[in-house]
Protein backbone atom coordinates (compact mmCIF):
# COMPACT_ATOMS: atom_id res chain seq x y z
CA MET A 1 -12.56 6.04 19.05
CA LEU A 2 -9.18 7.37 20.24
CA GLN A 3 -9.56 5.86 23.86
CA ALA A 4 -10.17 2.36 22.16
CA ILE A 5 -7.00 2.74 19.97
CA LEU A 6 -5.01 3.75 22.98
CA ALA A 7 -6.50 0.43 24.75
CA GLU A 8 -5.78 -1.79 22.10
CA LEU A 9 -2.27 -0.67 21.64
CA GLU A 10 -1.85 -1.57 25.33
CA MET A 11 -3.54 -4.87 24.81
CA ASN A 12 -0.93 -5.89 22.08
CA ARG A 13 1.97 -4.71 24.19
CA GLY A 14 4.03 -8.10 23.52
CA TYR A 15 2.92 -8.54 19.92
CA PHE A 16 6.32 -8.17 18.05
CA GLU A 17 8.27 -10.42 20.50
CA GLY A 18 11.32 -8.58 20.26
CA HIS A 19 11.12 -7.53 16.70
CA GLU A 20 12.40 -3.97 16.21
CA ILE A 21 9.62 -1.63 14.82
CA GLU A 22 10.94 0.48 11.89
CA THR A 23 7.88 2.35 10.77
CA ILE A 24 4.55 3.68 11.79
CA TYR A 25 1.75 4.08 9.33
CA PHE A 26 -1.25 6.19 10.03
CA GLY A 27 -3.62 5.06 7.07
CA GLY A 28 -6.66 3.08 5.95
CA GLY A 29 -9.21 5.89 6.30
CA THR A 30 -9.20 9.43 7.12
CA PRO A 31 -6.38 10.19 9.82
CA SER A 32 -5.91 13.57 8.84
CA LEU A 33 -9.01 14.23 10.42
CA LEU A 34 -7.13 13.63 13.94
CA SER A 35 -5.76 16.88 15.38
CA ALA A 36 -2.16 17.24 15.94
CA ASP A 37 -2.69 16.35 19.50
CA GLU A 38 -4.54 13.31 18.87
CA ILE A 39 -1.71 11.95 16.57
CA ASN A 40 0.54 12.86 19.44
CA ARG A 41 -1.24 10.86 21.94
CA ILE A 42 -1.31 7.78 19.75
CA SER A 43 2.25 7.93 18.75
CA ASP A 44 3.33 8.53 22.22
CA LYS A 45 1.55 5.51 23.33
CA VAL A 46 3.24 3.52 20.51
CA PHE A 47 6.81 4.76 21.66
CA GLU A 48 6.04 3.57 25.01
CA THR A 49 4.61 0.37 23.90
CA PHE A 50 6.65 -1.16 21.79
CA PRO A 51 10.45 -1.76 21.13
CA ILE A 52 11.37 1.14 18.75
CA THR A 53 15.04 2.71 19.14
CA SER A 54 15.34 4.06 15.70
CA LEU A 55 12.47 4.85 13.63
CA LYS A 56 12.92 4.91 9.88
CA GLU A 57 9.39 6.36 8.64
CA PHE A 58 6.11 7.89 10.23
CA THR A 59 3.70 8.18 7.29
CA LEU A 60 0.35 9.89 7.57
CA GLU A 61 -2.13 9.45 5.00
CA ALA A 62 -4.03 12.75 4.26
CA ASN A 63 -7.08 13.86 2.21
CA PRO A 64 -5.79 17.00 0.04
CA ASP A 65 -8.83 18.97 1.56
CA ASP A 66 -7.56 18.42 5.11
CA LEU A 67 -4.19 19.83 4.50
CA SER A 68 -4.54 23.59 5.32
CA ASN A 69 -1.42 25.60 6.30
CA THR A 70 -2.73 25.80 9.96
CA TYR A 71 -2.74 22.10 10.33
CA LEU A 72 0.57 21.24 8.45
CA ARG A 73 2.17 23.77 10.88
CA ALA A 74 0.56 21.85 13.77
CA LEU A 75 1.76 18.51 12.28
CA LYS A 76 5.54 19.55 12.40
CA HIS A 77 5.14 19.07 16.00
CA THR A 78 4.13 15.48 15.72
CA PRO A 79 6.60 12.48 14.81
CA ALA A 80 4.80 12.50 11.10
CA SER A 81 7.82 12.72 8.69
CA ARG A 82 6.28 11.47 5.59
CA PHE A 83 2.77 12.01 3.88
CA SER A 84 0.70 9.81 1.65
CA ILE A 85 -1.67 12.33 -0.15
CA GLY A 86 -4.69 10.89 -1.85
CA VAL A 87 -4.70 13.08 -5.20
CA GLN A 88 -6.01 10.38 -7.72
CA SER A 89 -5.83 12.97 -10.48
CA PHE A 90 -4.88 16.50 -11.41
CA PHE A 91 -8.08 16.72 -13.48
CA GLU A 92 -11.44 17.70 -12.19
CA GLU A 93 -13.56 15.58 -14.29
CA ASP A 94 -11.75 12.41 -13.06
CA LEU A 95 -12.59 13.55 -9.50
CA GLN A 96 -15.99 14.04 -9.97
CA TYR A 97 -16.29 10.70 -11.52
CA MET A 98 -14.47 8.97 -8.73
CA HIS A 99 -16.97 11.07 -6.18
CA ARG A 100 -13.69 12.60 -4.47
CA ALA A 101 -14.40 15.26 -1.80
CA HIS A 102 -11.51 17.52 -3.18
CA ASN A 103 -10.75 19.27 -6.51
CA ALA A 104 -7.80 19.49 -8.77
CA GLN A 105 -6.74 22.71 -7.41
CA GLN A 106 -7.05 21.41 -3.76
CA ALA A 107 -4.53 18.50 -4.72
CA ASP A 108 -2.18 20.77 -6.19
CA TYR A 109 -2.37 23.15 -3.51
CA ALA A 110 -1.71 20.39 -0.86
CA ILE A 111 1.54 18.97 -2.07
CA LYS A 112 2.81 22.66 -2.60
CA ALA A 113 1.77 23.45 0.89
CA ALA A 114 3.24 20.24 2.67
CA GLN A 115 6.45 21.05 0.85
CA ASP A 116 6.64 24.75 1.99
CA ALA A 117 6.04 23.54 5.50
CA GLY A 118 9.13 21.44 5.30
CA PHE A 119 7.73 18.00 4.37
CA SER A 120 9.88 16.77 1.45
CA ASN A 121 9.29 12.98 2.14
CA ILE A 122 5.86 12.95 0.37
CA THR A 123 4.05 10.27 -1.89
CA ILE A 124 0.84 10.53 -3.66
CA ASP A 125 -1.77 8.18 -5.22
CA LEU A 126 -3.01 8.28 -8.92
CA ILE A 127 -5.35 6.03 -10.58
CA TYR A 128 -5.66 5.23 -14.14
CA GLY A 129 -8.13 3.33 -16.40
CA THR A 130 -11.10 5.95 -15.57
CA PRO A 131 -13.48 6.51 -18.41
CA GLY A 132 -12.58 9.89 -20.02
CA LEU A 133 -8.78 9.57 -18.88
CA THR A 134 -6.93 9.73 -22.51
CA ASP A 135 -3.46 8.40 -22.80
CA ALA A 136 -2.59 12.20 -23.05
CA LYS A 137 -4.17 13.28 -19.77
CA TRP A 138 -2.72 10.17 -18.14
CA LYS A 139 0.77 11.51 -19.30
CA GLN A 140 -0.14 14.65 -18.04
CA ASN A 141 -0.67 13.29 -14.64
CA LEU A 142 2.54 11.80 -14.61
CA GLU A 143 4.52 14.53 -15.74
CA LYS A 144 2.88 16.66 -12.91
CA VAL A 145 4.59 14.26 -10.51
CA ALA A 146 8.07 15.11 -12.14
CA GLU A 147 7.31 18.60 -12.27
CA LEU A 148 6.29 18.74 -8.58
CA SER A 149 9.58 16.88 -7.48
CA ILE A 150 7.38 14.36 -5.80
CA PRO A 151 10.04 11.42 -4.75
CA HIS A 152 7.30 8.54 -4.47
CA PHE A 153 4.26 7.96 -6.07
CA SER A 154 1.74 4.94 -6.26
CA ALA A 155 -0.51 4.15 -9.23
CA TYR A 156 -3.42 1.96 -9.19
CA ALA A 157 -5.89 0.68 -11.98
CA LEU A 158 -9.47 1.91 -11.03
CA THR A 159 -11.54 -1.06 -9.42
CA VAL A 160 -15.09 -0.58 -8.41
CA GLU A 161 -16.17 -1.89 -5.16
CA GLU A 162 -19.56 -3.20 -4.92
CA GLY A 163 -21.75 -1.05 -2.69
CA THR A 164 -20.11 2.28 -3.48
CA ALA A 165 -21.74 5.33 -5.35
CA LEU A 166 -19.63 4.39 -8.25
CA HIS A 167 -20.80 0.85 -8.33
CA HIS A 168 -24.24 2.03 -8.13
CA ALA A 169 -24.04 4.52 -10.93
CA ILE A 170 -22.36 1.95 -13.29
CA LYS A 171 -25.24 -0.57 -12.31
CA LYS A 172 -27.90 1.95 -13.33
CA LYS A 173 -25.84 3.09 -16.29
CA LYS A 174 -25.70 6.51 -15.07
CA THR A 175 -21.75 6.47 -15.86
CA HIS A 176 -19.45 4.46 -18.04
CA PRO A 177 -17.82 1.07 -16.87
CA VAL A 178 -14.13 0.52 -16.49
CA ASP A 179 -12.36 -0.67 -19.67
CA ASN A 180 -9.77 -3.10 -18.86
CA GLU A 181 -8.06 -2.76 -22.18
CA GLN A 182 -7.68 0.91 -21.47
CA ALA A 183 -6.18 0.33 -17.83
CA ALA A 184 -3.77 -2.25 -19.36
CA GLY A 185 -2.62 0.45 -21.85
CA GLN A 186 -2.12 2.93 -19.44
CA PHE A 187 -0.22 0.67 -17.32
CA GLU A 188 2.15 0.27 -20.06
CA ILE A 189 2.64 3.95 -20.10
CA LEU A 190 2.98 4.27 -16.76
CA MET A 191 6.27 1.93 -17.19
CA GLN A 192 7.48 3.89 -20.11
CA GLU A 193 6.93 7.21 -18.60
CA ALA A 194 8.39 6.41 -15.39
CA GLU A 195 11.50 5.13 -16.78
CA ARG A 196 11.71 8.48 -18.87
CA MET A 197 11.41 10.35 -15.83
CA GLY A 198 13.78 8.71 -13.70
CA TYR A 199 11.61 6.61 -11.44
CA GLU A 200 12.23 2.96 -10.60
CA HIS A 201 9.22 0.78 -10.74
CA TYR A 202 10.00 -1.14 -7.62
CA GLU A 203 6.60 -2.53 -6.88
CA ILE A 204 3.61 -3.24 -9.59
CA SER A 205 1.96 -0.19 -8.15
CA ASN A 206 4.70 2.07 -6.59
CA LEU A 207 7.22 3.82 -8.06
CA ALA A 208 10.32 5.95 -6.58
CA LYS A 209 13.12 8.07 -7.59
CA GLY A 210 16.65 8.36 -5.89
CA GLY A 211 15.89 5.31 -3.65
CA ALA A 212 12.82 6.63 -1.77
CA TYR A 213 11.43 3.56 -1.47
CA ALA A 214 8.47 3.28 0.89
CA VAL A 215 10.07 1.44 3.91
CA HIS A 216 6.70 0.45 5.36
CA ASN A 217 5.41 -1.06 2.23
CA THR A 218 8.86 -2.72 1.48
CA ASN A 219 8.68 -4.59 4.80
CA TYR A 220 5.06 -5.64 3.97
CA TRP A 221 6.17 -7.15 0.80
CA LYS A 222 9.20 -8.84 2.36
CA GLY A 223 7.10 -10.68 4.90
CA GLN A 224 7.87 -8.63 7.91
CA PRO A 225 5.46 -8.70 10.89
CA TYR A 226 2.91 -5.90 11.32
CA LEU A 227 0.33 -4.68 13.70
CA GLY A 228 -2.88 -2.95 12.75
CA ILE A 229 -4.97 -1.04 15.15
CA GLY A 230 -8.40 0.03 14.93
CA PRO A 231 -11.52 -0.98 12.85
CA SER A 232 -10.83 -3.14 10.13
CA ALA A 233 -7.07 -3.20 10.74
CA HIS A 234 -5.03 -6.55 9.60
CA SER A 235 -2.30 -7.77 11.24
CA PHE A 236 0.47 -10.38 10.47
CA ASN A 237 2.89 -12.04 13.23
CA GLY A 238 5.69 -12.71 10.54
CA ARG A 239 4.93 -16.46 9.75
CA HIS A 240 1.83 -18.60 11.13
CA THR A 241 -1.15 -16.05 11.87
CA ARG A 242 -2.92 -13.37 10.08
CA ARG A 243 -5.62 -11.43 11.77
CA TRP A 244 -8.08 -8.76 11.04
CA ASN A 245 -10.50 -6.34 13.43
CA ILE A 246 -13.98 -6.36 12.92
CA ALA A 247 -15.13 -3.40 10.58
CA ASN A 248 -17.93 -2.00 12.62
CA ASN A 249 -16.83 1.12 14.70
CA ALA A 250 -19.45 0.74 17.39
CA LEU A 251 -18.82 -2.91 17.86
CA TYR A 252 -15.08 -2.16 17.97
CA ILE A 253 -15.37 0.42 20.50
CA LYS A 254 -17.64 -1.61 22.52
CA GLY A 255 -15.06 -4.81 22.41
CA ILE A 256 -12.17 -2.74 23.53
CA LEU A 257 -13.54 -0.55 26.07
CA GLN A 258 -16.51 -2.54 27.73
CA ASP A 259 -15.46 -6.03 27.20
CA LYS A 260 -11.78 -5.30 27.48
CA LYS A 261 -10.62 -7.59 24.79
CA PRO A 262 -9.72 -7.13 21.02
CA VAL A 263 -12.58 -8.06 18.62
CA TYR A 264 -10.91 -9.59 15.58
CA GLU A 265 -10.85 -13.00 13.43
CA GLU A 266 -7.69 -14.86 12.86
CA GLU A 267 -6.65 -17.68 10.73
CA GLN A 268 -3.42 -19.83 11.02
CA LEU A 269 -1.23 -19.90 7.92
CA SER A 270 0.06 -23.53 6.96
CA PRO A 271 3.54 -23.61 5.92
CA VAL A 272 2.45 -23.94 2.20
CA GLU A 273 0.14 -20.96 2.67
CA HIS A 274 2.83 -18.92 4.00
CA LEU A 275 5.00 -19.83 0.98
CA ASN A 276 2.37 -18.96 -1.33
CA GLU A 277 2.05 -15.63 0.17
CA TYR A 278 5.63 -15.07 -0.10
CA ILE A 279 5.55 -15.91 -3.80
CA MET A 280 2.50 -13.46 -4.50
CA THR A 281 4.25 -10.34 -2.60
CA SER A 282 7.61 -10.71 -3.48
CA LEU A 283 7.10 -11.60 -6.99
CA ARG A 284 5.63 -7.92 -7.39
CA THR A 285 8.94 -6.25 -6.36
CA MET A 286 11.77 -5.51 -8.66
CA TRP A 287 13.82 -7.74 -6.09
CA GLY A 288 11.70 -10.76 -7.24
CA CYS A 289 11.18 -14.20 -5.65
CA ASP A 290 14.18 -15.64 -4.04
CA LEU A 291 14.49 -19.45 -4.74
CA ASP A 292 17.44 -19.71 -2.10
CA LYS A 293 15.17 -18.21 0.64
CA ILE A 294 12.36 -20.96 -0.46
CA ARG A 295 15.25 -23.60 -0.15
CA ALA A 296 16.08 -22.40 3.26
CA GLU A 297 12.65 -21.63 4.72
CA TRP A 298 10.54 -24.51 2.73
CA GLY A 299 12.96 -26.93 1.64
CA ASN A 300 14.39 -28.08 -1.83
CA GLU A 301 11.48 -29.83 -3.05
CA TYR A 302 9.36 -26.72 -2.95
CA ALA A 303 11.98 -24.71 -4.44
CA TYR A 304 12.13 -26.98 -7.38
CA LEU A 305 8.33 -26.93 -8.05
CA VAL A 306 8.57 -23.31 -8.03
CA GLU A 307 11.69 -23.07 -10.46
CA LYS A 308 10.00 -25.80 -12.70
CA SER A 309 6.53 -24.08 -12.88
CA ALA A 310 8.65 -20.53 -13.58
CA GLU A 311 10.18 -22.19 -16.95
CA THR A 312 7.24 -21.54 -19.16
CA PHE A 313 6.94 -17.86 -18.09
CA GLU A 314 10.55 -17.43 -18.58
CA GLU A 315 10.14 -18.97 -22.11
CA ARG A 316 7.39 -16.47 -22.84
CA GLY A 317 9.66 -13.56 -21.63
CA TRP A 318 7.41 -12.87 -18.81
CA LEU A 319 9.99 -13.76 -16.14
CA GLN A 320 13.44 -13.47 -16.00
CA ARG A 321 16.21 -15.35 -13.69
CA GLN A 322 18.73 -13.11 -12.14
CA GLU A 323 21.05 -15.71 -10.20
CA GLN A 324 18.37 -17.41 -7.70
CA LYS A 325 15.64 -14.69 -8.21
CA LEU A 326 12.87 -14.74 -10.36
CA ILE A 327 11.77 -11.19 -11.49
CA LEU A 328 8.83 -9.99 -13.61
CA THR A 329 9.83 -8.47 -16.82
CA PRO A 330 7.75 -5.46 -18.00
CA ALA A 331 5.56 -7.58 -20.23
CA GLY A 332 5.25 -9.97 -17.36
CA LYS A 333 3.86 -7.09 -14.95
CA LEU A 334 0.56 -6.74 -16.95
CA PHE A 335 0.06 -10.57 -15.64
CA ALA A 336 1.43 -10.56 -12.11
CA ASP A 337 -1.35 -12.21 -10.26
CA ARG A 338 -1.85 -14.92 -12.91
CA ILE A 339 1.84 -15.61 -13.13
CA ALA A 340 2.02 -15.84 -9.15
CA GLY A 341 -1.09 -18.21 -9.13
CA GLU A 342 0.75 -20.59 -11.56
CA LEU A 343 3.67 -20.97 -9.13
CA PHE A 344 1.72 -21.59 -6.14
CA VAL A 345 2.59 -25.00 -4.58
CA GLU A 346 0.34 -27.63 -2.82
CA GLU A 347 1.25 -29.61 0.20
CA LEU A 348 3.51 -32.27 -0.62
CA LYS A 349 2.16 -35.72 0.39
């Protein structure tokens, strides 16, 4: 797998066409299973292959049970500067419900150990809407973030993917299903508690204190190009083309190392599809959807259509105008996907 990743990086040498790379993100699986030496081999290849003069952020996703003191000391000798730790909850029963490998004690230990090792730029993931997660317990999870001085965290409503152990257990009625009303209520608690604790809710699922926004994710929401390497990885050239690698590890390795070519599917985005993607991603952020940008890149007619569609949601108090920006209100954040869908445009004849 490591050889295939290195080879795929070489195959994509010209992907960014002069765009400066600001961030590297090791994620999407279990990158904390890599040794420090393996991380260095991959990052060395990235630096050798792509235009990087000033890297702003190098994030490593990690499972709490992988972050031992020995491993953290080794990681100090890699370019990794930021950790994304998959905590999910500080309560044992929630972790058992989600079939997580770590326990609550390991979650707490991993954060403190990373901080003790000198890593201050940390983000964690939390999940709300799980059966058994009372509003009081959800508030305790959020208070723990502030207590541990974590500058950034992500909070997601529990979704049950088909084919997972949790999906099977719910289908067989061995465990409770997800309650959408509970999830909506806990999202409102998230907004209230985040404001009280001094965190900016700068994207629907992401919150930061002191301007510690995730540079990598922010670039994604702003439509910057990105290259994904490895099985299932997605890439976007910034305007016209999106592609995704096959998910099967064995076929990925065979394609790269034996057939000497990347193995991916690709789709071409029409100008209108690109516009709708911009609407969807930008509306999720506190910076909002910029009508001036739409006018400049797609034309006055499309900007007019978006502006007219937004009026209904402004009247409901779900959207607000700040100069030429359309920004979700706290009430509107509960309906972000619905609002974005209503703002989507069709090809003009």
